[in-house]
């Protein structure tokens, strides 16, 4: 069964779209695209769902409440390029887990 990967940003439109594109390309390169169902939203709409564990993997390009920080991968490096490899490797690790 495919894992659900939610990408969130402040509005669910701009930076989450950029991050989703990079994640999708990476998953395609790694042959893992069919193992992941990509979703995209704004953080305000997803805090409760993330807290309840409704997604297998969560990547955020914005600040998240401290109550869910341990469940979220910081996706800002996907925007800056600095440390993006580590973020993608962590995503891969969680997809393959």
Protein backbone atom coordinates (compact mmCIF):
# COMPACT_ATOMS: atom_id res chain seq x y z
CA UNK A 1 0.00 0.00 0.00
CA UNK A 2 1.26 3.47 -0.90
CA UNK A 3 2.31 5.76 1.92
CA UNK A 4 0.67 9.16 2.28
CA UNK A 5 3.05 12.10 2.15
CA UNK A 6 1.56 15.48 3.06
CA UNK A 7 3.46 18.63 2.08
CA UNK A 8 2.32 21.75 3.93
CA UNK A 9 3.14 25.43 3.78
CA UNK A 10 1.49 28.60 5.04
CA UNK A 11 -1.14 28.81 2.31
CA UNK A 12 -1.00 25.39 0.64
CA UNK A 13 -0.20 27.04 -2.68
CA UNK A 14 3.28 28.43 -3.23
CA UNK A 15 6.19 26.82 -1.41
CA UNK A 16 4.41 23.51 -0.90
CA UNK A 17 4.02 23.31 -4.69
CA UNK A 18 7.77 23.82 -5.18
CA UNK A 19 8.60 21.24 -2.50
CA UNK A 20 6.07 18.74 -3.88
CA UNK A 21 7.62 19.04 -7.34
CA UNK A 22 11.11 18.36 -6.00
CA UNK A 23 9.92 15.43 -3.90
CA UNK A 24 8.02 13.97 -6.84
CA UNK A 25 11.07 14.23 -9.13
CA UNK A 26 13.28 12.62 -6.48
CA UNK A 27 10.83 9.77 -5.89
CA UNK A 28 10.64 9.16 -9.66
CA UNK A 29 14.47 9.04 -9.88
CA UNK A 30 14.58 6.57 -6.98
CA UNK A 31 11.82 4.37 -8.47
CA UNK A 32 9.59 5.07 -5.47
CA UNK A 33 6.87 7.24 -7.05
CA UNK A 34 4.29 4.45 -7.04
CA UNK A 35 4.94 3.87 -3.32
CA UNK A 36 3.79 7.36 -2.32
CA UNK A 37 0.51 9.26 -2.53
CA UNK A 38 1.46 12.97 -2.50
CA UNK A 39 -0.89 15.46 -0.87
CA UNK A 40 -0.59 19.21 -0.41
CA UNK A 41 -2.30 21.65 1.96
CA UNK A 42 -1.87 24.59 4.32
CA UNK A 43 -0.59 23.91 7.82
CA UNK A 44 -3.62 25.47 9.54
CA UNK A 45 -5.91 22.87 7.96
CA UNK A 46 -3.69 19.90 8.83
CA UNK A 47 -2.44 20.38 12.42
CA UNK A 48 -5.10 18.09 13.87
CA UNK A 49 -4.67 15.40 11.18
CA UNK A 50 -0.88 15.46 11.61
CA UNK A 51 -1.25 15.21 15.38
CA UNK A 52 -3.57 12.24 14.94
CA UNK A 53 -1.07 10.46 12.67
CA UNK A 54 -3.29 10.51 9.58
CA UNK A 55 -0.27 10.82 7.26
CA UNK A 56 2.70 8.51 7.04
CA UNK A 57 5.12 11.34 6.21
CA UNK A 58 4.75 15.11 6.61
CA UNK A 59 7.06 17.73 5.10
CA UNK A 60 6.60 21.40 5.98
CA UNK A 61 8.06 24.55 4.45
CA UNK A 62 6.66 26.71 7.25
CA UNK A 63 6.75 26.80 11.03
CA UNK A 64 4.65 24.15 12.73
CA UNK A 65 3.24 24.09 16.27
CA UNK A 66 5.55 22.53 18.84
CA UNK A 67 2.94 19.84 19.52
CA UNK A 68 3.59 18.24 16.11
CA UNK A 69 7.23 19.18 15.40
CA UNK A 70 8.51 15.66 16.08
CA UNK A 71 6.21 14.29 13.35
CA UNK A 72 7.27 16.75 10.65
CA UNK A 73 10.30 16.91 8.35
CA UNK A 74 11.56 20.47 7.85
CA UNK A 75 11.23 21.03 4.09
CA UNK A 76 12.81 24.51 3.92
CA UNK A 77 16.07 23.06 2.52
CA UNK A 78 14.07 21.96 -0.54
CA UNK A 79 13.51 25.67 -1.23
CA UNK A 80 16.99 26.94 -0.43
CA UNK A 81 18.94 23.98 -1.81
CA UNK A 82 21.12 23.92 1.30
CA UNK A 83 20.69 20.53 2.93
CA UNK A 84 18.07 19.38 0.43
CA UNK A 85 19.84 16.02 -0.01
CA UNK A 86 19.41 15.23 3.69
CA UNK A 87 15.70 16.02 3.52
CA UNK A 88 15.22 13.83 0.46
CA UNK A 89 17.20 11.00 2.06
CA UNK A 90 14.98 11.21 5.17
CA UNK A 91 11.87 11.06 2.97
CA UNK A 92 13.29 8.02 1.15
CA UNK A 93 14.08 6.34 4.47
CA UNK A 94 10.51 6.84 5.68
CA UNK A 95 9.01 5.67 2.39
CA UNK A 96 11.06 2.48 2.52
CA UNK A 97 10.37 1.85 6.23
